């Protein structure tokens, strides 16, 4: 599996595999990308950990709602997804961690 962090409020768009853009008719399914119930706070920003299957090479991410008028950020392509070890290393260096499935259903820190 591969991993990446995505800012709260951003969504996965197009997905690339070795042959180019993910072709759902050729694969007969959507790519397996899942938001995990773990996130971190980095520079005051909430980042969620996502897991992607090995065949995924790149993902396009975009804000769930349009940013302000005149904003130059419309979409971003993540070219390098990280290994589990790299994701764990980032989590250990985070300012704070959260898990929304804590017993009180809030996004309480878990460290």
PDB file of N, CA and C in Angstrom:
ATOM      1  N   UNK A   1       0.837  -1.181   0.000  1.00  0.00           N
ATOM      2  CA  UNK A   1       0.000   0.000   0.000  1.00  0.00           C
ATOM      3  C   UNK A   1       0.882   1.245   0.000  1.00  0.00           C
ATOM      4  N   UNK A   2       0.294   2.330  -0.485  1.00  0.00           N
ATOM      5  CA  UNK A   2       0.945   3.630  -0.490  1.00  0.00           C
ATOM      6  C   UNK A   2       0.074   4.589   0.312  1.00  0.00           C
ATOM      7  N   UNK A   3       0.676   5.683   0.754  1.00  0.00           N
ATOM      8  CA  UNK A   3      -0.029   6.610   1.628  1.00  0.00           C
ATOM      9  C   UNK A   3       0.232   8.044   1.207  1.00  0.00           C
ATOM     10  N   UNK A   4      -0.705   8.926   1.586  1.00  0.00           N
ATOM     11  CA  UNK A   4      -0.505  10.358   1.410  1.00  0.00           C
ATOM     12  C   UNK A   4      -1.386  11.089   2.405  1.00  0.00           C
ATOM     13  N   UNK A   5      -1.031  12.335   2.677  1.00  0.00           N
ATOM     14  CA  UNK A   5      -1.807  13.188   3.566  1.00  0.00           C
ATOM     15  C   UNK A   5      -2.529  14.217   2.714  1.00  0.00           C
ATOM     16  N   UNK A   6      -3.764  14.512   3.113  1.00  0.00           N
ATOM     17  CA  UNK A   6      -4.576  15.458   2.363  1.00  0.00           C
ATOM     18  C   UNK A   6      -5.248  16.412   3.341  1.00  0.00           C
ATOM     19  N   UNK A   7      -5.161  17.683   3.037  1.00  0.00           N
ATOM     20  CA  UNK A   7      -5.760  18.722   3.870  1.00  0.00           C
ATOM     21  C   UNK A   7      -7.258  18.518   4.010  1.00  0.00           C
ATOM     22  N   UNK A   8      -7.764  18.829   5.189  1.00  0.00           N
ATOM     23  CA  UNK A   8      -9.198  18.785   5.429  1.00  0.00           C
ATOM     24  C   UNK A   8      -9.880  19.699   4.410  1.00  0.00           C
ATOM     25  N   UNK A   9     -10.928  19.225   3.764  1.00  0.00           N
ATOM     26  CA  UNK A   9     -11.645  20.028   2.786  1.00  0.00           C
ATOM     27  C   UNK A   9     -11.159  19.823   1.354  1.00  0.00           C
ATOM     28  N   UNK A  10     -10.196  18.944   1.139  1.00  0.00           N
ATOM     29  CA  UNK A  10      -9.715  18.633  -0.210  1.00  0.00           C
ATOM     30  C   UNK A  10     -10.151  17.222  -0.563  1.00  0.00           C
ATOM     31  N   UNK A  11     -10.361  16.968  -1.856  1.00  0.00           N
ATOM     32  CA  UNK A  11     -10.846  15.676  -2.345  1.00  0.00           C
ATOM     33  C   UNK A  11      -9.899  15.109  -3.396  1.00  0.00           C
ATOM     34  N   UNK A  12      -9.952  13.805  -3.566  1.00  0.00           N
ATOM     35  CA  UNK A  12      -9.187  13.140  -4.616  1.00  0.00           C
ATOM     36  C   UNK A  12      -9.933  13.300  -5.931  1.00  0.00           C
ATOM     37  N   UNK A  13      -9.210  13.691  -6.982  1.00  0.00           N
ATOM     38  CA  UNK A  13      -9.785  13.833  -8.316  1.00  0.00           C
ATOM     39  C   UNK A  13      -9.358  12.661  -9.184  1.00  0.00           C
ATOM     40  N   UNK A  14      -8.643  12.969 -10.258  1.00  0.00           N
ATOM     41  CA  UNK A  14      -8.189  11.917 -11.174  1.00  0.00           C
ATOM     42  C   UNK A  14      -7.050  11.115 -10.549  1.00  0.00           C
ATOM     43  N   UNK A  15      -6.920   9.879 -11.026  1.00  0.00           N
ATOM     44  CA  UNK A  15      -5.914   8.956 -10.511  1.00  0.00           C
ATOM     45  C   UNK A  15      -5.135   8.385 -11.689  1.00  0.00           C
ATOM     46  N   UNK A  16      -3.818   8.274 -11.529  1.00  0.00           N
ATOM     47  CA  UNK A  16      -2.970   7.698 -12.568  1.00  0.00           C
ATOM     48  C   UNK A  16      -2.389   6.376 -12.093  1.00  0.00           C
ATOM     49  N   UNK A  17      -2.245   5.457 -13.038  1.00  0.00           N
ATOM     50  CA  UNK A  17      -1.562   4.187 -12.807  1.00  0.00           C
ATOM     51  C   UNK A  17      -0.461   4.079 -13.854  1.00  0.00           C
ATOM     52  N   UNK A  18       0.248   2.982 -13.917  1.00  0.00           N
ATOM     53  CA  UNK A  18       1.403   2.838 -14.792  1.00  0.00           C
ATOM     54  C   UNK A  18       1.091   3.161 -16.251  1.00  0.00           C
ATOM     55  N   UNK A  19      -0.086   2.803 -16.743  1.00  0.00           N
ATOM     56  CA  UNK A  19      -0.444   3.020 -18.136  1.00  0.00           C
ATOM     57  C   UNK A  19      -1.037   4.383 -18.434  1.00  0.00           C
ATOM     58  N   UNK A  20      -1.178   5.237 -17.458  1.00  0.00           N
ATOM     59  CA  UNK A  20      -1.769   6.570 -17.654  1.00  0.00           C
ATOM     60  C   UNK A  20      -2.914   6.778 -16.678  1.00  0.00           C
ATOM     61  N   UNK A  21      -3.910   7.552 -17.115  1.00  0.00           N
ATOM     62  CA  UNK A  21      -5.071   7.779 -16.251  1.00  0.00           C
ATOM     63  C   UNK A  21      -5.761   6.459 -15.940  1.00  0.00           C
ATOM     64  N   UNK A  22      -6.254   6.331 -14.722  1.00  0.00           N
ATOM     65  CA  UNK A  22      -6.960   5.118 -14.307  1.00  0.00           C
ATOM     66  C   UNK A  22      -8.169   4.917 -15.211  1.00  0.00           C
ATOM     67  N   UNK A  23      -8.292   3.769 -15.812  1.00  0.00           N
ATOM     68  CA  UNK A  23      -9.398   3.445 -16.709  1.00  0.00           C
ATOM     69  C   UNK A  23     -10.300   2.431 -15.997  1.00  0.00           C
ATOM     70  N   UNK A  24     -11.435   2.929 -15.503  1.00  0.00           N
ATOM     71  CA  UNK A  24     -12.344   2.061 -14.745  1.00  0.00           C
ATOM     72  C   UNK A  24     -12.896   0.920 -15.584  1.00  0.00           C
ATOM     73  N   UNK A  25     -13.068   1.139 -16.883  1.00  0.00           N
ATOM     74  CA  UNK A  25     -13.593   0.048 -17.716  1.00  0.00           C
ATOM     75  C   UNK A  25     -12.535  -1.042 -17.917  1.00  0.00           C
ATOM     76  N   UNK A  26     -11.269  -0.675 -18.019  1.00  0.00           N
ATOM     77  CA  UNK A  26     -10.208  -1.673 -18.166  1.00  0.00           C
ATOM     78  C   UNK A  26      -9.973  -2.423 -16.854  1.00  0.00           C
ATOM     79  N   UNK A  27      -9.948  -1.686 -15.745  1.00  0.00           N
ATOM     80  CA  UNK A  27      -9.730  -2.311 -14.436  1.00  0.00           C
ATOM     81  C   UNK A  27     -11.004  -2.959 -13.906  1.00  0.00           C
ATOM     82  N   UNK A  28     -12.144  -2.514 -14.421  1.00  0.00           N
ATOM     83  CA  UNK A  28     -13.473  -2.972 -13.986  1.00  0.00           C
ATOM     84  C   UNK A  28     -13.779  -2.614 -12.542  1.00  0.00           C
ATOM     85  N   UNK A  29     -13.161  -1.533 -12.115  1.00  0.00           N
ATOM     86  CA  UNK A  29     -13.411  -1.026 -10.760  1.00  0.00           C
ATOM     87  C   UNK A  29     -12.735   0.332 -10.608  1.00  0.00           C
ATOM     88  N   UNK A  30     -13.109   1.013  -9.566  1.00  0.00           N
ATOM     89  CA  UNK A  30     -12.459   2.278  -9.206  1.00  0.00           C
ATOM     90  C   UNK A  30     -11.168   1.966  -8.460  1.00  0.00           C
ATOM     91  N   UNK A  31     -10.225   2.883  -8.444  1.00  0.00           N
ATOM     92  CA  UNK A  31      -9.003   2.648  -7.666  1.00  0.00           C
ATOM     93  C   UNK A  31      -9.341   2.599  -6.180  1.00  0.00           C
ATOM     94  N   UNK A  32      -8.599   1.810  -5.456  1.00  0.00           N
ATOM     95  CA  UNK A  32      -8.834   1.679  -4.017  1.00  0.00           C
ATOM     96  C   UNK A  32      -8.037   2.754  -3.281  1.00  0.00           C
ATOM     97  N   UNK A  33      -8.756   3.799  -2.900  1.00  0.00           N
ATOM     98  CA  UNK A  33      -8.193   4.906  -2.128  1.00  0.00           C
ATOM     99  C   UNK A  33      -9.148   5.150  -0.982  1.00  0.00           C
ATOM    100  N   UNK A  34      -8.618   5.160   0.223  1.00  0.00           N
ATOM    101  CA  UNK A  34      -9.476   5.257   1.400  1.00  0.00           C
ATOM    102  C   UNK A  34      -8.883   6.217   2.420  1.00  0.00           C
ATOM    103  N   UNK A  35      -9.739   7.094   2.961  1.00  0.00           N
ATOM    104  CA  UNK A  35      -9.302   7.952   4.056  1.00  0.00           C
ATOM    105  C   UNK A  35      -9.317   7.121   5.335  1.00  0.00           C
ATOM    106  N   UNK A  36      -8.212   7.119   6.036  1.00  0.00           N
ATOM    107  CA  UNK A  36      -8.122   6.383   7.289  1.00  0.00           C
ATOM    108  C   UNK A  36      -8.597   7.274   8.431  1.00  0.00           C
ATOM    109  N   UNK A  37      -8.951   6.669   9.536  1.00  0.00           N
ATOM    110  CA  UNK A  37      -9.436   7.422  10.691  1.00  0.00           C
ATOM    111  C   UNK A  37      -8.279   7.881  11.559  1.00  0.00           C
ATOM    112  N   UNK A  38      -7.347   8.558  10.922  1.00  0.00           N
ATOM    113  CA  UNK A  38      -6.187   9.090  11.622  1.00  0.00           C
ATOM    114  C   UNK A  38      -5.738  10.337  10.892  1.00  0.00           C
ATOM    115  N   UNK A  39      -5.420  11.329  11.626  1.00  0.00           N
ATOM    116  CA  UNK A  39      -4.944  12.567  11.022  1.00  0.00           C
ATOM    117  C   UNK A  39      -3.950  13.242  11.939  1.00  0.00           C
ATOM    118  N   UNK A  40      -3.401  14.340  11.438  1.00  0.00           N
ATOM    119  CA  UNK A  40      -2.437  15.083  12.229  1.00  0.00           C
ATOM    120  C   UNK A  40      -2.638  16.570  11.997  1.00  0.00           C
ATOM    121  N   UNK A  41      -2.110  17.332  12.919  1.00  0.00           N
ATOM    122  CA  UNK A  41      -2.100  18.776  12.799  1.00  0.00           C
ATOM    123  C   UNK A  41      -0.663  19.169  12.484  1.00  0.00           C
ATOM    124  N   UNK A  42      -0.489  19.924  11.401  1.00  0.00           N
ATOM    125  CA  UNK A  42       0.838  20.383  11.010  1.00  0.00           C
ATOM    126  C   UNK A  42       0.720  21.854  10.626  1.00  0.00           C
ATOM    127  N   UNK A  43       1.438  22.709  11.325  1.00  0.00           N
ATOM    128  CA  UNK A  43       1.385  24.159  11.102  1.00  0.00           C
ATOM    129  C   UNK A  43      -0.055  24.658  11.199  1.00  0.00           C
ATOM    130  N   UNK A  44      -0.801  24.107  12.144  1.00  0.00           N
ATOM    131  CA  UNK A  44      -2.176  24.513  12.365  1.00  0.00           C
ATOM    132  C   UNK A  44      -3.177  23.978  11.353  1.00  0.00           C
ATOM    133  N   UNK A  45      -2.730  23.158  10.436  1.00  0.00           N
ATOM    134  CA  UNK A  45      -3.608  22.618   9.392  1.00  0.00           C
ATOM    135  C   UNK A  45      -3.919  21.149   9.676  1.00  0.00           C
ATOM    136  N   UNK A  46      -5.195  20.771   9.512  1.00  0.00           N
ATOM    137  CA  UNK A  46      -5.624  19.403   9.734  1.00  0.00           C
ATOM    138  C   UNK A  46      -5.381  18.581   8.475  1.00  0.00           C
ATOM    139  N   UNK A  47      -4.585  17.522   8.592  1.00  0.00           N
ATOM    140  CA  UNK A  47      -4.258  16.644   7.467  1.00  0.00           C
ATOM    141  C   UNK A  47      -4.734  15.233   7.766  1.00  0.00           C
ATOM    142  N   UNK A  48      -5.453  14.628   6.823  1.00  0.00           N
ATOM    143  CA  UNK A  48      -5.941  13.262   6.957  1.00  0.00           C
ATOM    144  C   UNK A  48      -4.993  12.307   6.249  1.00  0.00           C
ATOM    145  N   UNK A  49      -4.838  11.122   6.808  1.00  0.00           N
ATOM    146  CA  UNK A  49      -4.023  10.085   6.192  1.00  0.00           C
ATOM    147  C   UNK A  49      -4.900   9.250   5.263  1.00  0.00           C
ATOM    148  N   UNK A  50      -4.430   9.075   4.024  1.00  0.00           N
ATOM    149  CA  UNK A  50      -5.125   8.264   3.022  1.00  0.00           C
ATOM    150  C   UNK A  50      -4.260   7.076   2.643  1.00  0.00           C
ATOM    151  N   UNK A  51      -4.909   5.986   2.302  1.00  0.00           N
ATOM    152  CA  UNK A  51      -4.249   4.766   1.856  1.00  0.00           C
ATOM    153  C   UNK A  51      -4.669   4.497   0.414  1.00  0.00           C
ATOM    154  N   UNK A  52      -3.687   4.169  -0.444  1.00  0.00           N
ATOM    155  CA  UNK A  52      -3.973   3.874  -1.854  1.00  0.00           C
ATOM    156  C   UNK A  52      -3.336   2.536  -2.210  1.00  0.00           C
ATOM    157  N   UNK A  53      -3.978   1.831  -3.113  1.00  0.00           N
ATOM    158  CA  UNK A  53      -3.424   0.549  -3.540  1.00  0.00           C
ATOM    159  C   UNK A  53      -2.113   0.760  -4.294  1.00  0.00           C
ATOM    160  N   UNK A  54      -1.329  -0.281  -4.385  1.00  0.00           N
ATOM    161  CA  UNK A  54       0.006  -0.228  -4.974  1.00  0.00           C
ATOM    162  C   UNK A  54       0.000   0.241  -6.430  1.00  0.00           C
ATOM    163  N   UNK A  55      -1.044  -0.049  -7.196  1.00  0.00           N
ATOM    164  CA  UNK A  55      -1.098   0.312  -8.617  1.00  0.00           C
ATOM    165  C   UNK A  55      -1.219   1.819  -8.846  1.00  0.00           C
ATOM    166  N   UNK A  56      -1.605   2.577  -7.833  1.00  0.00           N
ATOM    167  CA  UNK A  56      -1.774   4.020  -7.966  1.00  0.00           C
ATOM    168  C   UNK A  56      -0.398   4.692  -7.967  1.00  0.00           C
ATOM    169  N   UNK A  57      -0.130   5.485  -9.009  1.00  0.00           N
ATOM    170  CA  UNK A  57       1.137   6.214  -9.102  1.00  0.00           C
ATOM    171  C   UNK A  57       1.001   7.659  -8.654  1.00  0.00           C
ATOM    172  N   UNK A  58      -0.068   8.332  -9.083  1.00  0.00           N
ATOM    173  CA  UNK A  58      -0.289   9.745  -8.769  1.00  0.00           C
ATOM    174  C   UNK A  58      -1.772   9.983  -8.558  1.00  0.00           C
ATOM    175  N   UNK A  59      -2.075  10.996  -7.766  1.00  0.00           N
ATOM    176  CA  UNK A  59      -3.460  11.414  -7.589  1.00  0.00           C
ATOM    177  C   UNK A  59      -3.544  12.926  -7.735  1.00  0.00           C
ATOM    178  N   UNK A  60      -4.650  13.357  -8.286  1.00  0.00           N
ATOM    179  CA  UNK A  60      -4.950  14.783  -8.364  1.00  0.00           C
ATOM    180  C   UNK A  60      -5.830  15.093  -7.163  1.00  0.00           C
ATOM    181  N   UNK A  61      -5.535  16.173  -6.478  1.00  0.00           N
ATOM    182  CA  UNK A  61      -6.373  16.592  -5.359  1.00  0.00           C
ATOM    183  C   UNK A  61      -6.858  18.007  -5.635  1.00  0.00           C
ATOM    184  N   UNK A  62      -8.055  18.295  -5.139  1.00  0.00           N
ATOM    185  CA  UNK A  62      -8.650  19.608  -5.377  1.00  0.00           C
ATOM    186  C   UNK A  62      -9.535  19.977  -4.197  1.00  0.00           C
ATOM    187  N   UNK A  63      -9.748  21.271  -3.988  1.00  0.00           N
ATOM    188  CA  UNK A  63     -10.609  21.679  -2.873  1.00  0.00           C
ATOM    189  C   UNK A  63     -12.044  21.236  -3.106  1.00  0.00           C
ATOM    190  N   UNK A  64     -12.737  20.890  -2.024  1.00  0.00           N
ATOM    191  CA  UNK A  64     -14.125  20.436  -2.154  1.00  0.00           C
ATOM    192  C   UNK A  64     -15.049  21.574  -2.564  1.00  0.00           C
ATOM    193  N   UNK A  65     -14.689  22.799  -2.233  1.00  0.00           N
ATOM    194  CA  UNK A  65     -15.450  23.962  -2.692  1.00  0.00           C
ATOM    195  C   UNK A  65     -14.452  24.959  -3.270  1.00  0.00           C
ATOM    196  N   UNK A  66     -14.892  25.761  -4.222  1.00  0.00           N
ATOM    197  CA  UNK A  66     -13.968  26.710  -4.842  1.00  0.00           C
ATOM    198  C   UNK A  66     -13.359  27.643  -3.796  1.00  0.00           C
ATOM    199  N   UNK A  67     -12.069  27.883  -3.926  1.00  0.00           N
ATOM    200  CA  UNK A  67     -11.405  28.831  -3.041  1.00  0.00           C
ATOM    201  C   UNK A  67     -11.793  30.237  -3.477  1.00  0.00           C
ATOM    202  N   UNK A  68     -11.321  31.215  -2.784  1.00  0.00           N
ATOM    203  CA  UNK A  68     -11.675  32.599  -3.086  1.00  0.00           C
ATOM    204  C   UNK A  68     -11.395  33.009  -4.522  1.00  0.00           C
ATOM    205  N   UNK A  69     -12.087  34.028  -4.991  1.00  0.00           N
ATOM    206  CA  UNK A  69     -11.903  34.554  -6.338  1.00  0.00           C
ATOM    207  C   UNK A  69     -10.460  35.022  -6.482  1.00  0.00           C
ATOM    208  N   UNK A  70      -9.850  34.675  -7.590  1.00  0.00           N
ATOM    209  CA  UNK A  70      -8.480  35.076  -7.838  1.00  0.00           C
ATOM    210  C   UNK A  70      -7.463  34.111  -7.257  1.00  0.00           C
ATOM    211  N   UNK A  71      -7.921  33.047  -6.628  1.00  0.00           N
ATOM    212  CA  UNK A  71      -6.997  32.071  -6.073  1.00  0.00           C
ATOM    213  C   UNK A  71      -6.330  31.297  -7.206  1.00  0.00           C
ATOM    214  N   UNK A  72      -5.052  31.073  -7.059  1.00  0.00           N
ATOM    215  CA  UNK A  72      -4.328  30.357  -8.112  1.00  0.00           C
ATOM    216  C   UNK A  72      -4.313  28.854  -7.871  1.00  0.00           C
ATOM    217  N   UNK A  73      -4.808  28.412  -6.729  1.00  0.00           N
ATOM    218  CA  UNK A  73      -4.807  26.982  -6.434  1.00  0.00           C
ATOM    219  C   UNK A  73      -6.155  26.398  -6.824  1.00  0.00           C
ATOM    220  N   UNK A  74      -6.150  25.576  -7.872  1.00  0.00           N
ATOM    221  CA  UNK A  74      -7.380  24.928  -8.293  1.00  0.00           C
ATOM    222  C   UNK A  74      -7.280  23.431  -8.148  1.00  0.00           C
ATOM    223  N   UNK A  75      -6.082  22.912  -8.353  1.00  0.00           N
ATOM    224  CA  UNK A  75      -5.847  21.480  -8.208  1.00  0.00           C
ATOM    225  C   UNK A  75      -4.351  21.256  -8.083  1.00  0.00           C
ATOM    226  N   UNK A  76      -4.002  20.138  -7.515  1.00  0.00           N
ATOM    227  CA  UNK A  76      -2.606  19.780  -7.293  1.00  0.00           C
ATOM    228  C   UNK A  76      -2.466  18.306  -7.625  1.00  0.00           C
ATOM    229  N   UNK A  77      -1.354  17.923  -8.222  1.00  0.00           N
ATOM    230  CA  UNK A  77      -1.094  16.516  -8.483  1.00  0.00           C
ATOM    231  C   UNK A  77      -0.002  16.051  -7.531  1.00  0.00           C
ATOM    232  N   UNK A  78      -0.315  15.011  -6.755  1.00  0.00           N
ATOM    233  CA  UNK A  78       0.670  14.413  -5.859  1.00  0.00           C
ATOM    234  C   UNK A  78       1.405  13.342  -6.641  1.00  0.00           C
ATOM    235  N   UNK A  79       2.672  13.567  -6.904  1.00  0.00           N
ATOM    236  CA  UNK A  79       3.440  12.646  -7.738  1.00  0.00           C
ATOM    237  C   UNK A  79       4.101  11.533  -6.940  1.00  0.00           C
ATOM    238  N   UNK A  80       4.461  11.827  -5.711  1.00  0.00           N
ATOM    239  CA  UNK A  80       5.153  10.805  -4.925  1.00  0.00           C
ATOM    240  C   UNK A  80       4.312  10.436  -3.714  1.00  0.00           C
ATOM    241  N   UNK A  81       3.774   9.256  -3.748  1.00  0.00           N
ATOM    242  CA  UNK A  81       3.067   8.759  -2.576  1.00  0.00           C
ATOM    243  C   UNK A  81       4.108   8.124  -1.680  1.00  0.00           C
ATOM    244  N   UNK A  82       3.805   7.978  -0.408  1.00  0.00           N
ATOM    245  CA  UNK A  82       4.819   7.493   0.527  1.00  0.00           C
ATOM    246  C   UNK A  82       4.527   6.085   1.020  1.00  0.00           C
ATOM    247  N   UNK A  83       5.573   5.465   1.528  1.00  0.00           N
ATOM    248  CA  UNK A  83       5.453   4.124   2.103  1.00  0.00           C
ATOM    249  C   UNK A  83       4.852   4.238   3.503  1.00  0.00           C
ATOM    250  N   UNK A  84       4.508   3.109   4.081  1.00  0.00           N
ATOM    251  CA  UNK A  84       3.986   3.088   5.453  1.00  0.00           C
ATOM    252  C   UNK A  84       5.018   3.647   6.425  1.00  0.00           C
ATOM    253  N   UNK A  85       6.289   3.299   6.237  1.00  0.00           N
ATOM    254  CA  UNK A  85       7.342   3.803   7.120  1.00  0.00           C
ATOM    255  C   UNK A  85       7.454   5.325   7.039  1.00  0.00           C
ATOM    256  N   UNK A  86       7.356   5.869   5.833  1.00  0.00           N
ATOM    257  CA  UNK A  86       7.433   7.322   5.670  1.00  0.00           C
ATOM    258  C   UNK A  86       6.221   8.010   6.313  1.00  0.00           C
ATOM    259  N   UNK A  87       5.043   7.414   6.173  1.00  0.00           N
ATOM    260  CA  UNK A  87       3.840   7.974   6.790  1.00  0.00           C
ATOM    261  C   UNK A  87       3.967   7.958   8.312  1.00  0.00           C
ATOM    262  N   UNK A  88       4.454   6.861   8.863  1.00  0.00           N
ATOM    263  CA  UNK A  88       4.650   6.779  10.316  1.00  0.00           C
ATOM    264  C   UNK A  88       5.661   7.812  10.804  1.00  0.00           C
ATOM    265  N   UNK A  89       6.707   8.017  10.035  1.00  0.00           N
ATOM    266  CA  UNK A  89       7.714   9.011  10.405  1.00  0.00           C
ATOM    267  C   UNK A  89       7.096  10.410  10.467  1.00  0.00           C
ATOM    268  N   UNK A  90       6.261  10.739   9.477  1.00  0.00           N
ATOM    269  CA  UNK A  90       5.585  12.052   9.490  1.00  0.00           C
ATOM    270  C   UNK A  90       4.646  12.171  10.679  1.00  0.00           C
ATOM    271  N   UNK A  91       3.930  11.078  10.988  1.00  0.00           N
ATOM    272  CA  UNK A  91       3.010  11.112  12.120  1.00  0.00           C
ATOM    273  C   UNK A  91       3.748  11.311  13.438  1.00  0.00           C
ATOM    274  N   UNK A  92       4.920  10.706  13.573  1.00  0.00           N
ATOM    275  CA  UNK A  92       5.674  10.849  14.825  1.00  0.00           C
ATOM    276  C   UNK A  92       6.220  12.260  15.004  1.00  0.00           C
ATOM    277  N   UNK A  93       6.364  13.003  13.924  1.00  0.00           N
ATOM    278  CA  UNK A  93       6.886  14.374  13.991  1.00  0.00           C
ATOM    279  C   UNK A  93       5.785  15.421  14.006  1.00  0.00           C
ATOM    280  N   UNK A  94       4.531  14.997  13.964  1.00  0.00           N
ATOM    281  CA  UNK A  94       3.397  15.932  13.895  1.00  0.00           C
ATOM    282  C   UNK A  94       3.238  16.683  15.214  1.00  0.00           C
ATOM    283  N   UNK A  95       2.655  17.872  15.122  1.00  0.00           N
ATOM    284  CA  UNK A  95       2.361  18.667  16.309  1.00  0.00           C
ATOM    285  C   UNK A  95       1.349  17.945  17.196  1.00  0.00           C
ATOM    286  N   UNK A  96       0.381  17.309  16.562  1.00  0.00           N
ATOM    287  CA  UNK A  96      -0.691  16.636  17.277  1.00  0.00           C
ATOM    288  C   UNK A  96      -1.323  15.603  16.346  1.00  0.00           C
ATOM    289  N   UNK A  97      -1.901  14.560  16.920  1.00  0.00           N
ATOM    290  CA  UNK A  97      -2.607  13.535  16.157  1.00  0.00           C
ATOM    291  C   UNK A  97      -4.064  13.534  16.587  1.00  0.00           C
ATOM    292  N   UNK A  98      -4.952  13.096  15.703  1.00  0.00           N
ATOM    293  CA  UNK A  98      -6.358  12.976  16.089  1.00  0.00           C
ATOM    294  C   UNK A  98      -6.982  11.761  15.430  1.00  0.00           C
ATOM    295  N   UNK A  99      -8.026  11.268  16.089  1.00  0.00           N
ATOM    296  CA  UNK A  99      -8.793  10.129  15.602  1.00  0.00           C
ATOM    297  C   UNK A  99     -10.254  10.441  15.893  1.00  0.00           C
ATOM    298  N   UNK A 100     -11.076  10.649  14.855  1.00  0.00           N
ATOM    299  CA  UNK A 100     -12.468  11.029  15.082  1.00  0.00           C
ATOM    300  C   UNK A 100     -13.325   9.914  15.668  1.00  0.00           C
ATOM    301  N   UNK A 101     -12.784   8.713  15.795  1.00  0.00           N
ATOM    302  CA  UNK A 101     -13.569   7.605  16.331  1.00  0.00           C
ATOM    303  C   UNK A 101     -13.379   7.407  17.826  1.00  0.00           C
ATOM    304  N   UNK A 102     -12.776   8.398  18.499  1.00  0.00           N
ATOM    305  CA  UNK A 102     -12.670   8.312  19.957  1.00  0.00           C
ATOM    306  C   UNK A 102     -14.065   8.213  20.544  1.00  0.00           C
ATOM    307  N   UNK A 103     -14.168   7.775  21.767  1.00  0.00           N
ATOM    308  CA  UNK A 103     -15.468   7.500  22.378  1.00  0.00           C
ATOM    309  C   UNK A 103     -16.408   8.703  22.393  1.00  0.00           C
ATOM    310  N   UNK A 104     -15.871   9.925  22.441  1.00  0.00           N
ATOM    311  CA  UNK A 104     -16.761  11.083  22.458  1.00  0.00           C
ATOM    312  C   UNK A 104     -17.074  11.605  21.056  1.00  0.00           C
ATOM    313  N   UNK A 105     -16.586  10.895  20.025  1.00  0.00           N
ATOM    314  CA  UNK A 105     -16.841  11.230  18.615  1.00  0.00           C
ATOM    315  C   UNK A 105     -16.340  12.610  18.210  1.00  0.00           C
ATOM    316  N   UNK A 106     -15.450  13.169  19.002  1.00  0.00           N
ATOM    317  CA  UNK A 106     -14.856  14.444  18.594  1.00  0.00           C
ATOM    318  C   UNK A 106     -13.489  14.164  18.001  1.00  0.00           C
ATOM    319  N   UNK A 107     -12.846  15.176  17.534  1.00  0.00           N
ATOM    320  CA  UNK A 107     -11.519  14.989  16.960  1.00  0.00           C
ATOM    321  C   UNK A 107     -10.477  15.329  18.026  1.00  0.00           C
ATOM    322  N   UNK A 108     -10.495  14.540  19.072  1.00  0.00           N
ATOM    323  CA  UNK A 108      -9.590  14.750  20.190  1.00  0.00           C
ATOM    324  C   UNK A 108      -8.202  14.240  19.873  1.00  0.00           C
ATOM    325  N   UNK A 109      -7.178  14.913  20.384  1.00  0.00           N
ATOM    326  CA  UNK A 109      -5.818  14.415  20.194  1.00  0.00           C
ATOM    327  C   UNK A 109      -5.673  13.019  20.785  1.00  0.00           C
ATOM    328  N   UNK A 110      -4.756  12.222  20.194  1.00  0.00           N
ATOM    329  CA  UNK A 110      -4.539  10.875  20.717  1.00  0.00           C
ATOM    330  C   UNK A 110      -3.132  10.691  21.263  1.00  0.00           C
ATOM    331  N   UNK A 111      -2.340  11.764  21.375  1.00  0.00           N
ATOM    332  CA  UNK A 111      -1.017  11.562  21.979  1.00  0.00           C
ATOM    333  C   UNK A 111      -0.979  12.124  23.361  1.00  0.00           C
TER     334      UNK A 111
END
